[in-house]
């Protein structure tokens, strides 16, 4: 049964690597609702500024 033992060890190693990858993940959790709201604010402000710039040059 060397093949079964080898397969088990390979699976165990893969699981170990996955667990450590998850444990070492230090990315900050993101609230997608807040992020989308902030992006909407930025786009709105960008449009206001664009209109002011375009309107200011035609006065």
PDB file of N, CA and C in Angstrom:
ATOM      1  N   UNK A   1       0.798  -1.209   0.000  1.00  0.00           N
ATOM      2  CA  UNK A   1       0.000   0.000   0.000  1.00  0.00           C
ATOM      3  C   UNK A   1       0.843   1.278   0.000  1.00  0.00           C
ATOM      4  N   UNK A   2       2.005   1.254  -0.582  1.00  0.00           N
ATOM      5  CA  UNK A   2       2.799   2.472  -0.608  1.00  0.00           C
ATOM      6  C   UNK A   2       2.102   3.599  -1.355  1.00  0.00           C
ATOM      7  N   UNK A   3       1.344   3.262  -2.398  1.00  0.00           N
ATOM      8  CA  UNK A   3       0.656   4.301  -3.160  1.00  0.00           C
ATOM      9  C   UNK A   3      -0.402   4.996  -2.323  1.00  0.00           C
ATOM     10  N   UNK A   4      -1.155   4.242  -1.506  1.00  0.00           N
ATOM     11  CA  UNK A   4      -2.183   4.826  -0.649  1.00  0.00           C
ATOM     12  C   UNK A   4      -1.545   5.740   0.388  1.00  0.00           C
ATOM     13  N   UNK A   5      -0.440   5.302   0.978  1.00  0.00           N
ATOM     14  CA  UNK A   5       0.256   6.121   1.973  1.00  0.00           C
ATOM     15  C   UNK A   5       0.817   7.386   1.334  1.00  0.00           C
ATOM     16  N   UNK A   6       1.369   7.264   0.139  1.00  0.00           N
ATOM     17  CA  UNK A   6       1.922   8.409  -0.571  1.00  0.00           C
ATOM     18  C   UNK A   6       0.823   9.407  -0.908  1.00  0.00           C
ATOM     19  N   UNK A   7      -0.320   8.896  -1.361  1.00  0.00           N
ATOM     20  CA  UNK A   7      -1.444   9.771  -1.696  1.00  0.00           C
ATOM     21  C   UNK A   7      -1.932  10.501  -0.452  1.00  0.00           C
ATOM     22  N   UNK A   8      -2.016   9.768   0.659  1.00  0.00           N
ATOM     23  CA  UNK A   8      -2.471  10.367   1.914  1.00  0.00           C
ATOM     24  C   UNK A   8      -1.505  11.465   2.354  1.00  0.00           C
ATOM     25  N   UNK A   9      -0.223  11.212   2.229  1.00  0.00           N
ATOM     26  CA  UNK A   9       0.781  12.205   2.621  1.00  0.00           C
ATOM     27  C   UNK A   9       0.723  13.434   1.710  1.00  0.00           C
ATOM     28  N   UNK A  10       0.506  13.210   0.418  1.00  0.00           N
ATOM     29  CA  UNK A  10       0.375  14.321  -0.528  1.00  0.00           C
ATOM     30  C   UNK A  10      -0.841  15.177  -0.181  1.00  0.00           C
ATOM     31  N   UNK A  11      -1.953  14.528   0.110  1.00  0.00           N
ATOM     32  CA  UNK A  11      -3.173  15.256   0.489  1.00  0.00           C
ATOM     33  C   UNK A  11      -2.963  16.018   1.795  1.00  0.00           C
ATOM     34  N   UNK A  12      -2.281  15.390   2.752  1.00  0.00           N
ATOM     35  CA  UNK A  12      -2.011  16.039   4.038  1.00  0.00           C
ATOM     36  C   UNK A  12      -1.133  17.269   3.828  1.00  0.00           C
ATOM     37  N   UNK A  13      -0.142  17.154   2.981  1.00  0.00           N
ATOM     38  CA  UNK A  13       0.746  18.295   2.703  1.00  0.00           C
ATOM     39  C   UNK A  13      -0.012  19.435   2.036  1.00  0.00           C
ATOM     40  N   UNK A  14      -0.886  19.093   1.094  1.00  0.00           N
ATOM     41  CA  UNK A  14      -1.681  20.118   0.418  1.00  0.00           C
ATOM     42  C   UNK A  14      -2.611  20.814   1.410  1.00  0.00           C
ATOM     43  N   UNK A  15      -3.227  20.045   2.290  1.00  0.00           N
ATOM     44  CA  UNK A  15      -4.104  20.619   3.297  1.00  0.00           C
ATOM     45  C   UNK A  15      -3.327  21.532   4.227  1.00  0.00           C
ATOM     46  N   UNK A  16      -2.160  21.093   4.642  1.00  0.00           N
ATOM     47  CA  UNK A  16      -1.299  21.891   5.517  1.00  0.00           C
ATOM     48  C   UNK A  16      -0.953  23.227   4.848  1.00  0.00           C
ATOM     49  N   UNK A  17      -0.575  23.177   3.588  1.00  0.00           N
ATOM     50  CA  UNK A  17      -0.232  24.400   2.861  1.00  0.00           C
ATOM     51  C   UNK A  17      -1.432  25.329   2.762  1.00  0.00           C
ATOM     52  N   UNK A  18      -2.610  24.774   2.515  1.00  0.00           N
ATOM     53  CA  UNK A  18      -3.825  25.587   2.411  1.00  0.00           C
ATOM     54  C   UNK A  18      -4.147  26.256   3.741  1.00  0.00           C
ATOM     55  N   UNK A  19      -4.040  25.507   4.820  1.00  0.00           N
ATOM     56  CA  UNK A  19      -4.320  26.063   6.148  1.00  0.00           C
ATOM     57  C   UNK A  19      -3.373  27.223   6.450  1.00  0.00           C
ATOM     58  N   UNK A  20      -2.086  27.068   6.157  1.00  0.00           N
ATOM     59  CA  UNK A  20      -1.135  28.145   6.413  1.00  0.00           C
ATOM     60  C   UNK A  20      -1.377  29.348   5.511  1.00  0.00           C
ATOM     61  N   UNK A  21      -1.779  29.105   4.262  1.00  0.00           N
ATOM     62  CA  UNK A  21      -2.084  30.218   3.363  1.00  0.00           C
ATOM     63  C   UNK A  21      -3.253  31.026   3.916  1.00  0.00           C
ATOM     64  N   UNK A  22      -4.277  30.345   4.411  1.00  0.00           N
ATOM     65  CA  UNK A  22      -5.438  31.033   4.990  1.00  0.00           C
ATOM     66  C   UNK A  22      -5.023  31.777   6.259  1.00  0.00           C
ATOM     67  N   UNK A  23      -4.246  31.132   7.099  1.00  0.00           N
ATOM     68  CA  UNK A  23      -3.816  31.742   8.362  1.00  0.00           C
ATOM     69  C   UNK A  23      -2.950  32.976   8.130  1.00  0.00           C
ATOM     70  N   UNK A  24      -2.168  32.976   7.070  1.00  0.00           N
ATOM     71  CA  UNK A  24      -1.264  34.092   6.789  1.00  0.00           C
ATOM     72  C   UNK A  24      -1.910  35.186   5.947  1.00  0.00           C
ATOM     73  N   UNK A  25      -3.152  35.010   5.573  1.00  0.00           N
ATOM     74  CA  UNK A  25      -3.850  36.013   4.763  1.00  0.00           C
ATOM     75  C   UNK A  25      -4.194  37.198   5.656  1.00  0.00           C
ATOM     76  N   UNK A  26      -3.510  38.300   5.443  1.00  0.00           N
ATOM     77  CA  UNK A  26      -3.706  39.474   6.297  1.00  0.00           C
ATOM     78  C   UNK A  26      -4.489  40.573   5.586  1.00  0.00           C
ATOM     79  N   UNK A  27      -5.121  40.219   4.485  1.00  0.00           N
ATOM     80  CA  UNK A  27      -5.902  41.235   3.785  1.00  0.00           C
ATOM     81  C   UNK A  27      -7.073  41.689   4.661  1.00  0.00           C
ATOM     82  N   UNK A  28      -7.366  42.962   4.570  1.00  0.00           N
ATOM     83  CA  UNK A  28      -8.462  43.535   5.329  1.00  0.00           C
ATOM     84  C   UNK A  28      -9.795  43.144   4.678  1.00  0.00           C
ATOM     85  N   UNK A  29     -10.773  42.838   5.511  1.00  0.00           N
ATOM     86  CA  UNK A  29     -12.110  42.546   4.988  1.00  0.00           C
ATOM     87  C   UNK A  29     -12.698  43.842   4.429  1.00  0.00           C
ATOM     88  N   UNK A  30     -13.412  43.747   3.328  1.00  0.00           N
ATOM     89  CA  UNK A  30     -13.980  44.918   2.676  1.00  0.00           C
ATOM     90  C   UNK A  30     -15.499  44.822   2.701  1.00  0.00           C
ATOM     91  N   UNK A  31     -16.129  45.890   3.152  1.00  0.00           N
ATOM     92  CA  UNK A  31     -17.587  45.972   3.106  1.00  0.00           C
ATOM     93  C   UNK A  31     -17.951  46.474   1.717  1.00  0.00           C
ATOM     94  N   UNK A  32     -18.449  45.582   0.880  1.00  0.00           N
ATOM     95  CA  UNK A  32     -18.703  45.926  -0.525  1.00  0.00           C
ATOM     96  C   UNK A  32     -19.764  47.010  -0.667  1.00  0.00           C
ATOM     97  N   UNK A  33     -20.717  47.057   0.251  1.00  0.00           N
ATOM     98  CA  UNK A  33     -21.756  48.086   0.198  1.00  0.00           C
ATOM     99  C   UNK A  33     -21.141  49.462   0.432  1.00  0.00           C
ATOM    100  N   UNK A  34     -20.271  49.566   1.424  1.00  0.00           N
ATOM    101  CA  UNK A  34     -19.589  50.834   1.687  1.00  0.00           C
ATOM    102  C   UNK A  34     -18.670  51.214   0.532  1.00  0.00           C
ATOM    103  N   UNK A  35     -17.973  50.250  -0.011  1.00  0.00           N
ATOM    104  CA  UNK A  35     -17.084  50.516  -1.130  1.00  0.00           C
ATOM    105  C   UNK A  35     -17.859  51.044  -2.332  1.00  0.00           C
ATOM    106  N   UNK A  36     -18.964  50.403  -2.655  1.00  0.00           N
ATOM    107  CA  UNK A  36     -19.781  50.862  -3.783  1.00  0.00           C
ATOM    108  C   UNK A  36     -20.337  52.260  -3.545  1.00  0.00           C
ATOM    109  N   UNK A  37     -20.734  52.557  -2.315  1.00  0.00           N
ATOM    110  CA  UNK A  37     -21.239  53.892  -1.994  1.00  0.00           C
ATOM    111  C   UNK A  37     -20.139  54.932  -2.174  1.00  0.00           C
ATOM    112  N   UNK A  38     -18.937  54.609  -1.719  1.00  0.00           N
ATOM    113  CA  UNK A  38     -17.812  55.543  -1.857  1.00  0.00           C
ATOM    114  C   UNK A  38     -17.458  55.770  -3.324  1.00  0.00           C
ATOM    115  N   UNK A  39     -17.486  54.720  -4.113  1.00  0.00           N
ATOM    116  CA  UNK A  39     -17.219  54.858  -5.549  1.00  0.00           C
ATOM    117  C   UNK A  39     -18.276  55.742  -6.193  1.00  0.00           C
ATOM    118  N   UNK A  40     -19.530  55.564  -5.814  1.00  0.00           N
ATOM    119  CA  UNK A  40     -20.616  56.398  -6.365  1.00  0.00           C
ATOM    120  C   UNK A  40     -20.385  57.866  -6.011  1.00  0.00           C
ATOM    121  N   UNK A  41     -19.942  58.148  -4.781  1.00  0.00           N
ATOM    122  CA  UNK A  41     -19.643  59.531  -4.384  1.00  0.00           C
ATOM    123  C   UNK A  41     -18.524  60.113  -5.237  1.00  0.00           C
ATOM    124  N   UNK A  42     -17.500  59.330  -5.461  1.00  0.00           N
ATOM    125  CA  UNK A  42     -16.358  59.803  -6.255  1.00  0.00           C
ATOM    126  C   UNK A  42     -16.783  60.097  -7.687  1.00  0.00           C
ATOM    127  N   UNK A  43     -17.579  59.211  -8.271  1.00  0.00           N
ATOM    128  CA  UNK A  43     -18.037  59.407  -9.652  1.00  0.00           C
ATOM    129  C   UNK A  43     -18.925  60.650  -9.738  1.00  0.00           C
ATOM    130  N   UNK A  44     -19.796  60.830  -8.759  1.00  0.00           N
ATOM    131  CA  UNK A  44     -20.661  62.012  -8.753  1.00  0.00           C
ATOM    132  C   UNK A  44     -19.819  63.276  -8.674  1.00  0.00           C
ATOM    133  N   UNK A  45     -18.840  63.302  -7.767  1.00  0.00           N
ATOM    134  CA  UNK A  45     -17.968  64.470  -7.623  1.00  0.00           C
ATOM    135  C   UNK A  45     -17.165  64.709  -8.893  1.00  0.00           C
ATOM    136  N   UNK A  46     -16.702  63.649  -9.513  1.00  0.00           N
ATOM    137  CA  UNK A  46     -15.952  63.774 -10.763  1.00  0.00           C
ATOM    138  C   UNK A  46     -16.819  64.411 -11.846  1.00  0.00           C
ATOM    139  N   UNK A  47     -18.075  63.993 -11.922  1.00  0.00           N
ATOM    140  CA  UNK A  47     -18.984  64.562 -12.921  1.00  0.00           C
ATOM    141  C   UNK A  47     -19.258  66.039 -12.663  1.00  0.00           C
ATOM    142  N   UNK A  48     -19.391  66.418 -11.390  1.00  0.00           N
ATOM    143  CA  UNK A  48     -19.592  67.831 -11.041  1.00  0.00           C
ATOM    144  C   UNK A  48     -18.377  68.643 -11.465  1.00  0.00           C
ATOM    145  N   UNK A  49     -17.207  68.160 -11.137  1.00  0.00           N
ATOM    146  CA  UNK A  49     -15.987  68.876 -11.504  1.00  0.00           C
ATOM    147  C   UNK A  49     -15.832  68.980 -13.019  1.00  0.00           C
ATOM    148  N   UNK A  50     -16.136  67.892 -13.723  1.00  0.00           N
ATOM    149  CA  UNK A  50     -16.032  67.902 -15.178  1.00  0.00           C
ATOM    150  C   UNK A  50     -16.980  68.960 -15.765  1.00  0.00           C
ATOM    151  N   UNK A  51     -18.196  69.033 -15.239  1.00  0.00           N
ATOM    152  CA  UNK A  51     -19.165  70.009 -15.726  1.00  0.00           C
ATOM    153  C   UNK A  51     -18.690  71.432 -15.440  1.00  0.00           C
ATOM    154  N   UNK A  52     -18.129  71.644 -14.244  1.00  0.00           N
ATOM    155  CA  UNK A  52     -17.604  72.971 -13.909  1.00  0.00           C
ATOM    156  C   UNK A  52     -16.456  73.372 -14.825  1.00  0.00           C
ATOM    157  N   UNK A  53     -15.573  72.444 -15.117  1.00  0.00           N
ATOM    158  CA  UNK A  53     -14.426  72.727 -15.974  1.00  0.00           C
ATOM    159  C   UNK A  53     -14.897  73.031 -17.400  1.00  0.00           C
ATOM    160  N   UNK A  54     -15.785  72.187 -17.915  1.00  0.00           N
ATOM    161  CA  UNK A  54     -16.280  72.388 -19.272  1.00  0.00           C
ATOM    162  C   UNK A  54     -17.110  73.649 -19.375  1.00  0.00           C
ATOM    163  N   UNK A  55     -17.908  73.946 -18.372  1.00  0.00           N
ATOM    164  CA  UNK A  55     -18.743  75.155 -18.372  1.00  0.00           C
ATOM    165  C   UNK A  55     -17.918  76.412 -18.164  1.00  0.00           C
ATOM    166  N   UNK A  56     -16.850  76.302 -17.369  1.00  0.00           N
ATOM    167  CA  UNK A  56     -15.995  77.457 -17.074  1.00  0.00           C
ATOM    168  C   UNK A  56     -15.239  77.932 -18.294  1.00  0.00           C
ATOM    169  N   UNK A  57     -14.927  77.042 -19.211  1.00  0.00           N
ATOM    170  CA  UNK A  57     -14.173  77.430 -20.392  1.00  0.00           C
ATOM    171  C   UNK A  57     -15.037  78.067 -21.471  1.00  0.00           C
ATOM    172  N   UNK A  58     -16.364  77.925 -21.383  1.00  0.00           N
ATOM    173  CA  UNK A  58     -17.270  78.425 -22.412  1.00  0.00           C
ATOM    174  C   UNK A  58     -17.958  79.704 -22.001  1.00  0.00           C
ATOM    175  N   UNK A  59     -17.628  80.271 -20.845  1.00  0.00           N
ATOM    176  CA  UNK A  59     -18.320  81.477 -20.359  1.00  0.00           C
ATOM    177  C   UNK A  59     -17.889  82.704 -21.099  1.00  0.00           C
TER     178      UNK A  59
END
